[in-house]
Amino acid sequence: MYAIVEINGQQFKAEQGKKLFVHHIKNSEAGQAVEFEKVLLVDKDGSVEVGAPTVDGAKVVCEVITPLVKGDKVIVFKMKRRKDYRKKNGHRAQFTEIRIKEVIA
C-alpha cells in the first residue's frame, strides 16, 4: 500500500517504513509525529483511488528523524564571454529527514 502525498509543495510516494528528505519543516523536533492530509492518490493492493483534488479521510503519519539536514552545495556561475561579466553564487538547501509510520486511507 502506498500513497502520493504533497509535502511543502512537492509530491512524494509514501510507503510505510520509507525515509524521505523533504523541504525543511519549521518548528519540528526529533521524534515528533507529523501528519500530512494532502493525499492525492492511494493504492491499496492494486485498487487505485484518485482524489479530486485530495482523497477524503486519507492521511500520512510521519516521524521526524532529523529536523535539519543540509543538502549538497550548489554553485551558480554566470558568465558572458568577452564582456568581463562573471558572477558566482551558491547555496545549500535545508531538508528535514522523516520516516513514514503509516498510511491511513
PDB file of N, CA and C in Angstrom:
ATOM      1  N   MET A   1       0.849  -1.176   0.000  1.00  0.00           N
ATOM      2  CA  MET A   1       0.000   0.000   0.000  1.00  0.00           C
ATOM      3  C   MET A   1       0.892   1.236   0.000  1.00  0.00           C
ATOM      4  N   TYR A   2       0.570   2.176  -0.874  1.00  0.00           N
ATOM      5  CA  TYR A   2       1.314   3.419  -0.906  1.00  0.00           C
ATOM      6  C   TYR A   2       0.378   4.573  -1.228  1.00  0.00           C
ATOM      7  N   ALA A   3       0.882   5.782  -1.025  1.00  0.00           N
ATOM      8  CA  ALA A   3       0.092   6.981  -1.302  1.00  0.00           C
ATOM      9  C   ALA A   3       1.016   8.043  -1.896  1.00  0.00           C
ATOM     10  N   ILE A   4       0.445   8.886  -2.738  1.00  0.00           N
ATOM     11  CA  ILE A   4       1.145  10.068  -3.238  1.00  0.00           C
ATOM     12  C   ILE A   4       0.663  11.240  -2.388  1.00  0.00           C
ATOM     13  N   VAL A   5       1.599  11.879  -1.689  1.00  0.00           N
ATOM     14  CA  VAL A   5       1.244  12.933  -0.749  1.00  0.00           C
ATOM     15  C   VAL A   5       2.022  14.200  -1.100  1.00  0.00           C
ATOM     16  N   GLU A   6       1.378  15.352  -0.879  1.00  0.00           N
ATOM     17  CA  GLU A   6       2.037  16.631  -1.131  1.00  0.00           C
ATOM     18  C   GLU A   6       2.557  17.187   0.194  1.00  0.00           C
ATOM     19  N   ILE A   7       3.882  17.418   0.226  1.00  0.00           N
ATOM     20  CA  ILE A   7       4.539  17.933   1.419  1.00  0.00           C
ATOM     21  C   ILE A   7       5.326  19.177   1.021  1.00  0.00           C
ATOM     22  N   ASN A   8       4.950  20.325   1.567  1.00  0.00           N
ATOM     23  CA  ASN A   8       5.626  21.592   1.286  1.00  0.00           C
ATOM     24  C   ASN A   8       5.765  21.872  -0.208  1.00  0.00           C
ATOM     25  N   GLY A   9       4.718  21.606  -0.965  1.00  0.00           N
ATOM     26  CA  GLY A   9       4.713  21.939  -2.375  1.00  0.00           C
ATOM     27  C   GLY A   9       5.326  20.896  -3.283  1.00  0.00           C
ATOM     28  N   GLN A  10       5.827  19.780  -2.768  1.00  0.00           N
ATOM     29  CA  GLN A  10       6.380  18.711  -3.583  1.00  0.00           C
ATOM     30  C   GLN A  10       5.608  17.429  -3.326  1.00  0.00           C
ATOM     31  N   GLN A  11       5.551  16.569  -4.353  1.00  0.00           N
ATOM     32  CA  GLN A  11       4.830  15.311  -4.233  1.00  0.00           C
ATOM     33  C   GLN A  11       5.815  14.168  -3.990  1.00  0.00           C
ATOM     34  N   PHE A  12       5.456  13.286  -3.050  1.00  0.00           N
ATOM     35  CA  PHE A  12       6.298  12.155  -2.692  1.00  0.00           C
ATOM     36  C   PHE A  12       5.468  10.885  -2.669  1.00  0.00           C
ATOM     37  N   LYS A  13       6.119   9.752  -2.968  1.00  0.00           N
ATOM     38  CA  LYS A  13       5.487   8.446  -2.834  1.00  0.00           C
ATOM     39  C   LYS A  13       5.781   7.954  -1.425  1.00  0.00           C
ATOM     40  N   ALA A  14       4.730   7.772  -0.631  1.00  0.00           N
ATOM     41  CA  ALA A  14       4.876   7.417   0.776  1.00  0.00           C
ATOM     42  C   ALA A  14       4.477   5.961   0.990  1.00  0.00           C
ATOM     43  N   GLU A  15       5.424   5.168   1.471  1.00  0.00           N
ATOM     44  CA  GLU A  15       5.173   3.788   1.859  1.00  0.00           C
ATOM     45  C   GLU A  15       5.611   3.622   3.306  1.00  0.00           C
ATOM     46  N   GLN A  16       4.996   2.695   4.013  1.00  0.00           N
ATOM     47  CA  GLN A  16       5.300   2.502   5.418  1.00  0.00           C
ATOM     48  C   GLN A  16       6.763   2.087   5.588  1.00  0.00           C
ATOM     49  N   GLY A  17       7.470   2.762   6.509  1.00  0.00           N
ATOM     50  CA  GLY A  17       8.860   2.441   6.792  1.00  0.00           C
ATOM     51  C   GLY A  17       9.874   3.159   5.918  1.00  0.00           C
ATOM     52  N   LYS A  18       9.419   3.886   4.913  1.00  0.00           N
ATOM     53  CA  LYS A  18      10.329   4.563   3.984  1.00  0.00           C
ATOM     54  C   LYS A  18      10.820   5.878   4.589  1.00  0.00           C
ATOM     55  N   LYS A  19      12.100   6.235   4.321  1.00  0.00           N
ATOM     56  CA  LYS A  19      12.661   7.506   4.776  1.00  0.00           C
ATOM     57  C   LYS A  19      12.642   8.494   3.619  1.00  0.00           C
ATOM     58  N   LEU A  20      12.313   9.749   3.926  1.00  0.00           N
ATOM     59  CA  LEU A  20      12.256  10.799   2.913  1.00  0.00           C
ATOM     60  C   LEU A  20      13.008  12.031   3.407  1.00  0.00           C
ATOM     61  N   PHE A  21      13.594  12.753   2.461  1.00  0.00           N
ATOM     62  CA  PHE A  21      14.165  14.064   2.728  1.00  0.00           C
ATOM     63  C   PHE A  21      13.240  15.085   2.079  1.00  0.00           C
ATOM     64  N   VAL A  22      12.541  15.870   2.894  1.00  0.00           N
ATOM     65  CA  VAL A  22      11.598  16.877   2.398  1.00  0.00           C
ATOM     66  C   VAL A  22      12.143  18.259   2.722  1.00  0.00           C
ATOM     67  N   HIS A  23      11.586  19.292   2.076  1.00  0.00           N
ATOM     68  CA  HIS A  23      11.995  20.648   2.398  1.00  0.00           C
ATOM     69  C   HIS A  23      11.797  20.891   3.885  1.00  0.00           C
ATOM     70  N   HIS A  24      12.628  21.752   4.430  1.00  0.00           N
ATOM     71  CA  HIS A  24      12.678  21.979   5.876  1.00  0.00           C
ATOM     72  C   HIS A  24      11.295  22.290   6.462  1.00  0.00           C
ATOM     73  N   ILE A  25      10.933  21.558   7.504  1.00  0.00           N
ATOM     74  CA  ILE A  25       9.686  21.775   8.232  1.00  0.00           C
ATOM     75  C   ILE A  25      10.031  22.594   9.467  1.00  0.00           C
ATOM     76  N   LYS A  26       9.517  23.814   9.536  1.00  0.00           N
ATOM     77  CA  LYS A  26       9.845  24.704  10.644  1.00  0.00           C
ATOM     78  C   LYS A  26       9.215  24.205  11.937  1.00  0.00           C
ATOM     79  N   ASN A  27       9.857  24.518  13.044  1.00  0.00           N
ATOM     80  CA  ASN A  27       9.399  24.177  14.392  1.00  0.00           C
ATOM     81  C   ASN A  27       9.207  22.677  14.585  1.00  0.00           C
ATOM     82  N   SER A  28      10.054  21.861  13.957  1.00  0.00           N
ATOM     83  CA  SER A  28       9.975  20.413  14.158  1.00  0.00           C
ATOM     84  C   SER A  28      11.131  19.966  15.037  1.00  0.00           C
ATOM     85  N   GLU A  29      10.885  18.917  15.799  1.00  0.00           N
ATOM     86  CA  GLU A  29      11.891  18.368  16.704  1.00  0.00           C
ATOM     87  C   GLU A  29      12.036  16.880  16.441  1.00  0.00           C
ATOM     88  N   ALA A  30      13.170  16.333  16.781  1.00  0.00           N
ATOM     89  CA  ALA A  30      13.424  14.906  16.577  1.00  0.00           C
ATOM     90  C   ALA A  30      12.440  14.079  17.404  1.00  0.00           C
ATOM     91  N   GLY A  31      11.835  13.080  16.797  1.00  0.00           N
ATOM     92  CA  GLY A  31      10.867  12.222  17.473  1.00  0.00           C
ATOM     93  C   GLY A  31       9.441  12.719  17.423  1.00  0.00           C
ATOM     94  N   GLN A  32       9.222  13.905  16.892  1.00  0.00           N
ATOM     95  CA  GLN A  32       7.879  14.489  16.818  1.00  0.00           C
ATOM     96  C   GLN A  32       7.069  13.810  15.712  1.00  0.00           C
ATOM     97  N   ALA A  33       5.794  13.576  15.958  1.00  0.00           N
ATOM     98  CA  ALA A  33       4.899  12.998  14.949  1.00  0.00           C
ATOM     99  C   ALA A  33       4.277  14.119  14.124  1.00  0.00           C
ATOM    100  N   VAL A  34       4.268  13.926  12.805  1.00  0.00           N
ATOM    101  CA  VAL A  34       3.726  14.920  11.880  1.00  0.00           C
ATOM    102  C   VAL A  34       2.723  14.215  10.977  1.00  0.00           C
ATOM    103  N   GLU A  35       1.578  14.872  10.733  1.00  0.00           N
ATOM    104  CA  GLU A  35       0.548  14.305   9.853  1.00  0.00           C
ATOM    105  C   GLU A  35       0.395  15.183   8.621  1.00  0.00           C
ATOM    106  N   PHE A  36       0.278  14.538   7.461  1.00  0.00           N
ATOM    107  CA  PHE A  36       0.037  15.234   6.203  1.00  0.00           C
ATOM    108  C   PHE A  36      -1.287  14.735   5.637  1.00  0.00           C
ATOM    109  N   GLU A  37      -2.207  15.663   5.388  1.00  0.00           N
ATOM    110  CA  GLU A  37      -3.552  15.287   4.951  1.00  0.00           C
ATOM    111  C   GLU A  37      -3.805  15.574   3.474  1.00  0.00           C
ATOM    112  N   LYS A  38      -2.825  16.114   2.760  1.00  0.00           N
ATOM    113  CA  LYS A  38      -2.975  16.382   1.331  1.00  0.00           C
ATOM    114  C   LYS A  38      -2.574  15.136   0.545  1.00  0.00           C
ATOM    115  N   VAL A  39      -3.383  14.093   0.628  1.00  0.00           N
ATOM    116  CA  VAL A  39      -3.117  12.838  -0.066  1.00  0.00           C
ATOM    117  C   VAL A  39      -3.821  12.897  -1.422  1.00  0.00           C
ATOM    118  N   LEU A  40      -3.046  12.758  -2.492  1.00  0.00           N
ATOM    119  CA  LEU A  40      -3.587  12.898  -3.838  1.00  0.00           C
ATOM    120  C   LEU A  40      -4.012  11.573  -4.445  1.00  0.00           C
ATOM    121  N   LEU A  41      -3.374  10.454  -4.039  1.00  0.00           N
ATOM    122  CA  LEU A  41      -3.667   9.144  -4.619  1.00  0.00           C
ATOM    123  C   LEU A  41      -3.353   8.081  -3.582  1.00  0.00           C
ATOM    124  N   VAL A  42      -4.171   7.032  -3.548  1.00  0.00           N
ATOM    125  CA  VAL A  42      -3.946   5.903  -2.642  1.00  0.00           C
ATOM    126  C   VAL A  42      -4.076   4.615  -3.452  1.00  0.00           C
ATOM    127  N   ASP A  43      -3.103   3.699  -3.279  1.00  0.00           N
ATOM    128  CA  ASP A  43      -3.126   2.404  -3.948  1.00  0.00           C
ATOM    129  C   ASP A  43      -3.162   1.319  -2.879  1.00  0.00           C
ATOM    130  N   LYS A  44      -4.306   0.606  -2.793  1.00  0.00           N
ATOM    131  CA  LYS A  44      -4.471  -0.492  -1.842  1.00  0.00           C
ATOM    132  C   LYS A  44      -4.450  -1.795  -2.619  1.00  0.00           C
ATOM    133  N   ASP A  45      -3.303  -2.430  -2.702  1.00  0.00           N
ATOM    134  CA  ASP A  45      -3.151  -3.738  -3.351  1.00  0.00           C
ATOM    135  C   ASP A  45      -3.771  -3.780  -4.749  1.00  0.00           C
ATOM    136  N   GLY A  46      -3.490  -2.763  -5.546  1.00  0.00           N
ATOM    137  CA  GLY A  46      -3.957  -2.754  -6.934  1.00  0.00           C
ATOM    138  C   GLY A  46      -5.194  -1.919  -7.179  1.00  0.00           C
ATOM    139  N   SER A  47      -5.994  -1.624  -6.155  1.00  0.00           N
ATOM    140  CA  SER A  47      -7.161  -0.764  -6.353  1.00  0.00           C
ATOM    141  C   SER A  47      -6.742   0.682  -6.079  1.00  0.00           C
ATOM    142  N   VAL A  48      -6.775   1.494  -7.121  1.00  0.00           N
ATOM    143  CA  VAL A  48      -6.282   2.858  -7.044  1.00  0.00           C
ATOM    144  C   VAL A  48      -7.447   3.815  -6.821  1.00  0.00           C
ATOM    145  N   GLU A  49      -7.270   4.718  -5.853  1.00  0.00           N
ATOM    146  CA  GLU A  49      -8.274   5.743  -5.585  1.00  0.00           C
ATOM    147  C   GLU A  49      -7.614   7.106  -5.778  1.00  0.00           C
ATOM    148  N   VAL A  50      -8.127   7.868  -6.724  1.00  0.00           N
ATOM    149  CA  VAL A  50      -7.563   9.172  -7.046  1.00  0.00           C
ATOM    150  C   VAL A  50      -8.477  10.244  -6.480  1.00  0.00           C
ATOM    151  N   GLY A  51      -7.884  11.229  -5.824  1.00  0.00           N
ATOM    152  CA  GLY A  51      -8.663  12.303  -5.225  1.00  0.00           C
ATOM    153  C   GLY A  51      -8.967  13.407  -6.212  1.00  0.00           C
ATOM    154  N   ALA A  52      -9.972  14.187  -5.885  1.00  0.00           N
ATOM    155  CA  ALA A  52     -10.341  15.322  -6.735  1.00  0.00           C
ATOM    156  C   ALA A  52     -10.564  16.534  -5.853  1.00  0.00           C
ATOM    157  N   PRO A  53      -9.628  17.285  -5.404  1.00  0.00           N
ATOM    158  CA  PRO A  53      -8.182  17.145  -5.603  1.00  0.00           C
ATOM    159  C   PRO A  53      -7.497  16.232  -4.589  1.00  0.00           C
ATOM    160  N   THR A  54      -8.116  15.963  -3.430  1.00  0.00           N
ATOM    161  CA  THR A  54      -7.493  15.076  -2.445  1.00  0.00           C
ATOM    162  C   THR A  54      -8.448  13.948  -2.094  1.00  0.00           C
ATOM    163  N   VAL A  55      -7.901  12.878  -1.531  1.00  0.00           N
ATOM    164  CA  VAL A  55      -8.687  11.726  -1.097  1.00  0.00           C
ATOM    165  C   VAL A  55      -9.255  12.035   0.289  1.00  0.00           C
ATOM    166  N   ASP A  56     -10.582  11.901   0.435  1.00  0.00           N
ATOM    167  CA  ASP A  56     -11.232  12.203   1.708  1.00  0.00           C
ATOM    168  C   ASP A  56     -10.869  11.164   2.762  1.00  0.00           C
ATOM    169  N   GLY A  57     -10.520  11.636   3.962  1.00  0.00           N
ATOM    170  CA  GLY A  57     -10.237  10.749   5.088  1.00  0.00           C
ATOM    171  C   GLY A  57      -8.867  10.096   5.064  1.00  0.00           C
ATOM    172  N   ALA A  58      -8.055  10.386   4.078  1.00  0.00           N
ATOM    173  CA  ALA A  58      -6.727   9.775   3.992  1.00  0.00           C
ATOM    174  C   ALA A  58      -5.687  10.720   4.576  1.00  0.00           C
ATOM    175  N   LYS A  59      -4.701  10.132   5.257  1.00  0.00           N
ATOM    176  CA  LYS A  59      -3.602  10.934   5.770  1.00  0.00           C
ATOM    177  C   LYS A  59      -2.373  10.051   5.937  1.00  0.00           C
ATOM    178  N   VAL A  60      -1.235  10.702   6.023  1.00  0.00           N
ATOM    179  CA  VAL A  60       0.037  10.007   6.190  1.00  0.00           C
ATOM    180  C   VAL A  60       0.650  10.486   7.498  1.00  0.00           C
ATOM    181  N   VAL A  61       0.984   9.537   8.379  1.00  0.00           N
ATOM    182  CA  VAL A  61       1.566   9.856   9.677  1.00  0.00           C
ATOM    183  C   VAL A  61       3.065   9.579   9.595  1.00  0.00           C
ATOM    184  N   CYS A  62       3.877  10.595   9.953  1.00  0.00           N
ATOM    185  CA  CYS A  62       5.333  10.500   9.864  1.00  0.00           C
ATOM    186  C   CYS A  62       5.971  10.842  11.198  1.00  0.00           C
ATOM    187  N   GLU A  63       7.239  10.455  11.319  1.00  0.00           N
ATOM    188  CA  GLU A  63       8.031  10.800  12.492  1.00  0.00           C
ATOM    189  C   GLU A  63       9.278  11.527  12.015  1.00  0.00           C
ATOM    190  N   VAL A  64       9.601  12.635  12.656  1.00  0.00           N
ATOM    191  CA  VAL A  64      10.784  13.409  12.296  1.00  0.00           C
ATOM    192  C   VAL A  64      12.011  12.712  12.882  1.00  0.00           C
ATOM    193  N   ILE A  65      12.957  12.368  12.005  1.00  0.00           N
ATOM    194  CA  ILE A  65      14.195  11.733  12.460  1.00  0.00           C
ATOM    195  C   ILE A  65      15.247  12.805  12.734  1.00  0.00           C
ATOM    196  N   THR A  66      15.526  13.637  11.740  1.00  0.00           N
ATOM    197  CA  THR A  66      16.483  14.730  11.877  1.00  0.00           C
ATOM    198  C   THR A  66      15.813  16.009  11.410  1.00  0.00           C
ATOM    199  N   PRO A  67      15.660  17.009  12.276  1.00  0.00           N
ATOM    200  CA  PRO A  67      14.916  18.206  11.880  1.00  0.00           C
ATOM    201  C   PRO A  67      15.632  19.091  10.862  1.00  0.00           C
ATOM    202  N   LEU A  68      16.965  19.075  10.825  1.00  0.00           N
ATOM    203  CA  LEU A  68      17.681  19.931   9.885  1.00  0.00           C
ATOM    204  C   LEU A  68      18.867  19.186   9.294  1.00  0.00           C
ATOM    205  N   VAL A  69      18.801  18.960   7.990  1.00  0.00           N
ATOM    206  CA  VAL A  69      19.884  18.327   7.245  1.00  0.00           C
ATOM    207  C   VAL A  69      20.243  19.271   6.111  1.00  0.00           C
ATOM    208  N   LYS A  70      21.525  19.579   5.964  1.00  0.00           N
ATOM    209  CA  LYS A  70      21.947  20.447   4.874  1.00  0.00           C
ATOM    210  C   LYS A  70      22.258  19.601   3.652  1.00  0.00           C
ATOM    211  N   GLY A  71      21.755  20.041   2.501  1.00  0.00           N
ATOM    212  CA  GLY A  71      21.998  19.342   1.256  1.00  0.00           C
ATOM    213  C   GLY A  71      23.367  19.679   0.692  1.00  0.00           C
ATOM    214  N   ASP A  72      23.646  19.145  -0.502  1.00  0.00           N
ATOM    215  CA  ASP A  72      24.906  19.417  -1.168  1.00  0.00           C
ATOM    216  C   ASP A  72      24.965  20.870  -1.608  1.00  0.00           C
ATOM    217  N   LYS A  73      26.193  21.374  -1.704  1.00  0.00           N
ATOM    218  CA  LYS A  73      26.397  22.749  -2.138  1.00  0.00           C
ATOM    219  C   LYS A  73      26.142  22.843  -3.639  1.00  0.00           C
ATOM    220  N   VAL A  74      25.364  23.840  -4.045  1.00  0.00           N
ATOM    221  CA  VAL A  74      25.050  24.082  -5.445  1.00  0.00           C
ATOM    222  C   VAL A  74      25.717  25.394  -5.843  1.00  0.00           C
ATOM    223  N   ILE A  75      26.553  25.344  -6.884  1.00  0.00           N
ATOM    224  CA  ILE A  75      27.248  26.536  -7.362  1.00  0.00           C
ATOM    225  C   ILE A  75      26.515  27.065  -8.593  1.00  0.00           C
ATOM    226  N   VAL A  76      26.193  28.362  -8.566  1.00  0.00           N
ATOM    227  CA  VAL A  76      25.554  29.029  -9.703  1.00  0.00           C
ATOM    228  C   VAL A  76      26.589  29.989 -10.278  1.00  0.00           C
ATOM    229  N   PHE A  77      27.018  29.749 -11.513  1.00  0.00           N
ATOM    230  CA  PHE A  77      28.053  30.576 -12.141  1.00  0.00           C
ATOM    231  C   PHE A  77      27.524  31.108 -13.464  1.00  0.00           C
ATOM    232  N   LYS A  78      27.512  32.437 -13.583  1.00  0.00           N
ATOM    233  CA  LYS A  78      27.045  33.082 -14.809  1.00  0.00           C
ATOM    234  C   LYS A  78      28.222  33.821 -15.435  1.00  0.00           C
ATOM    235  N   MET A  79      28.324  33.738 -16.772  1.00  0.00           N
ATOM    236  CA  MET A  79      29.420  34.382 -17.460  1.00  0.00           C
ATOM    237  C   MET A  79      29.012  34.737 -18.879  1.00  0.00           C
ATOM    238  N   LYS A  80      29.445  35.903 -19.331  1.00  0.00           N
ATOM    239  CA  LYS A  80      29.265  36.292 -20.731  1.00  0.00           C
ATOM    240  C   LYS A  80      30.654  36.513 -21.315  1.00  0.00           C
ATOM    241  N   ARG A  81      30.957  35.784 -22.334  1.00  0.00           N
ATOM    242  CA  ARG A  81      32.314  35.842 -22.875  1.00  0.00           C
ATOM    243  C   ARG A  81      32.597  37.192 -23.523  1.00  0.00           C
ATOM    244  N   ARG A  82      33.827  37.614 -23.340  1.00  0.00           N
ATOM    245  CA  ARG A  82      34.350  38.858 -23.909  1.00  0.00           C
ATOM    246  C   ARG A  82      33.663  40.113 -23.367  1.00  0.00           C
ATOM    247  N   LYS A  83      32.865  40.021 -22.337  1.00  0.00           N
ATOM    248  CA  LYS A  83      32.156  41.187 -21.784  1.00  0.00           C
ATOM    249  C   LYS A  83      32.591  41.505 -20.350  1.00  0.00           C
ATOM    250  N   ASP A  84      33.571  40.784 -19.846  1.00  0.00           N
ATOM    251  CA  ASP A  84      34.070  40.977 -18.487  1.00  0.00           C
ATOM    252  C   ASP A  84      32.936  40.871 -17.451  1.00  0.00           C
ATOM    253  N   TYR A  85      32.050  39.877 -17.657  1.00  0.00           N
ATOM    254  CA  TYR A  85      30.920  39.669 -16.736  1.00  0.00           C
ATOM    255  C   TYR A  85      31.027  38.263 -16.176  1.00  0.00           C
ATOM    256  N   ARG A  86      31.225  38.175 -14.869  1.00  0.00           N
ATOM    257  CA  ARG A  86      31.238  36.888 -14.179  1.00  0.00           C
ATOM    258  C   ARG A  86      30.559  37.069 -12.836  1.00  0.00           C
ATOM    259  N   LYS A  87      29.714  36.152 -12.517  1.00  0.00           N
ATOM    260  CA  LYS A  87      29.017  36.216 -11.240  1.00  0.00           C
ATOM    261  C   LYS A  87      28.955  34.799 -10.668  1.00  0.00           C
ATOM    262  N   LYS A  88      29.478  34.632  -9.474  1.00  0.00           N
ATOM    263  CA  LYS A  88      29.479  33.324  -8.820  1.00  0.00           C
ATOM    264  C   LYS A  88      28.611  33.413  -7.579  1.00  0.00           C
ATOM    265  N   ASN A  89      27.703  32.489  -7.449  1.00  0.00           N
ATOM    266  CA  ASN A  89      26.786  32.457  -6.327  1.00  0.00           C
ATOM    267  C   ASN A  89      26.530  30.999  -5.981  1.00  0.00           C
ATOM    268  N   GLY A  90      25.957  30.725  -4.854  1.00  0.00           N
ATOM    269  CA  GLY A  90      25.665  29.351  -4.488  1.00  0.00           C
ATOM    270  C   GLY A  90      24.800  29.281  -3.243  1.00  0.00           C
ATOM    271  N   HIS A  91      24.337  28.062  -2.943  1.00  0.00           N
ATOM    272  CA  HIS A  91      23.516  27.865  -1.756  1.00  0.00           C
ATOM    273  C   HIS A  91      23.522  26.391  -1.361  1.00  0.00           C
ATOM    274  N   ARG A  92      23.064  26.128  -0.157  1.00  0.00           N
ATOM    275  CA  ARG A  92      22.858  24.759   0.327  1.00  0.00           C
ATOM    276  C   ARG A  92      21.408  24.671   0.788  1.00  0.00           C
ATOM    277  N   ALA A  93      20.671  23.749   0.217  1.00  0.00           N
ATOM    278  CA  ALA A  93      19.268  23.577   0.583  1.00  0.00           C
ATOM    279  C   ALA A  93      19.170  22.928   1.969  1.00  0.00           C
ATOM    280  N   GLN A  94      18.092  23.257   2.693  1.00  0.00           N
ATOM    281  CA  GLN A  94      17.864  22.682   4.012  1.00  0.00           C
ATOM    282  C   GLN A  94      16.711  21.696   3.929  1.00  0.00           C
ATOM    283  N   PHE A  95      16.916  20.508   4.493  1.00  0.00           N
ATOM    284  CA  PHE A  95      15.923  19.442   4.441  1.00  0.00           C
ATOM    285  C   PHE A  95      15.589  18.964   5.847  1.00  0.00           C
ATOM    286  N   THR A  96      14.500  18.212   5.945  1.00  0.00           N
ATOM    287  CA  THR A  96      14.121  17.501   7.162  1.00  0.00           C
ATOM    288  C   THR A  96      13.977  16.032   6.795  1.00  0.00           C
ATOM    289  N   GLU A  97      14.598  15.157   7.571  1.00  0.00           N
ATOM    290  CA  GLU A  97      14.505  13.721   7.317  1.00  0.00           C
ATOM    291  C   GLU A  97      13.338  13.155   8.121  1.00  0.00           C
ATOM    292  N   ILE A  98      12.413  12.486   7.423  1.00  0.00           N
ATOM    293  CA  ILE A  98      11.248  11.901   8.092  1.00  0.00           C
ATOM    294  C   ILE A  98      11.135  10.427   7.735  1.00  0.00           C
ATOM    295  N   ARG A  99      10.456   9.675   8.600  1.00  0.00           N
ATOM    296  CA  ARG A  99      10.164   8.254   8.342  1.00  0.00           C
ATOM    297  C   ARG A  99       8.644   8.105   8.334  1.00  0.00           C
ATOM    298  N   ILE A 100       8.118   7.406   7.338  1.00  0.00           N
ATOM    299  CA  ILE A 100       6.679   7.189   7.226  1.00  0.00           C
ATOM    300  C   ILE A 100       6.287   6.087   8.211  1.00  0.00           C
ATOM    301  N   LYS A 101       5.429   6.428   9.162  1.00  0.00           N
ATOM    302  CA  LYS A 101       4.956   5.440  10.137  1.00  0.00           C
ATOM    303  C   LYS A 101       3.830   4.607   9.547  1.00  0.00           C
ATOM    304  N   GLU A 102       2.800   5.297   9.002  1.00  0.00           N
ATOM    305  CA  GLU A 102       1.674   4.557   8.426  1.00  0.00           C
ATOM    306  C   GLU A 102       0.913   5.434   7.458  1.00  0.00           C
ATOM    307  N   VAL A 103       0.222   4.771   6.549  1.00  0.00           N
ATOM    308  CA  VAL A 103      -0.653   5.432   5.579  1.00  0.00           C
ATOM    309  C   VAL A 103      -2.086   5.039   5.923  1.00  0.00           C
ATOM    310  N   ILE A 104      -2.897   6.018   6.280  1.00  0.00           N
ATOM    311  CA  ILE A 104      -4.290   5.762   6.672  1.00  0.00           C
ATOM    312  C   ILE A 104      -5.193   6.163   5.522  1.00  0.00           C
ATOM    313  N   ALA A 105      -5.987   5.215   5.034  1.00  0.00           N
ATOM    314  CA  ALA A 105      -6.892   5.523   3.917  1.00  0.00           C
ATOM    315  C   ALA A 105      -8.222   4.821   4.116  1.00  0.00           C
TER     316      ALA A 105
END
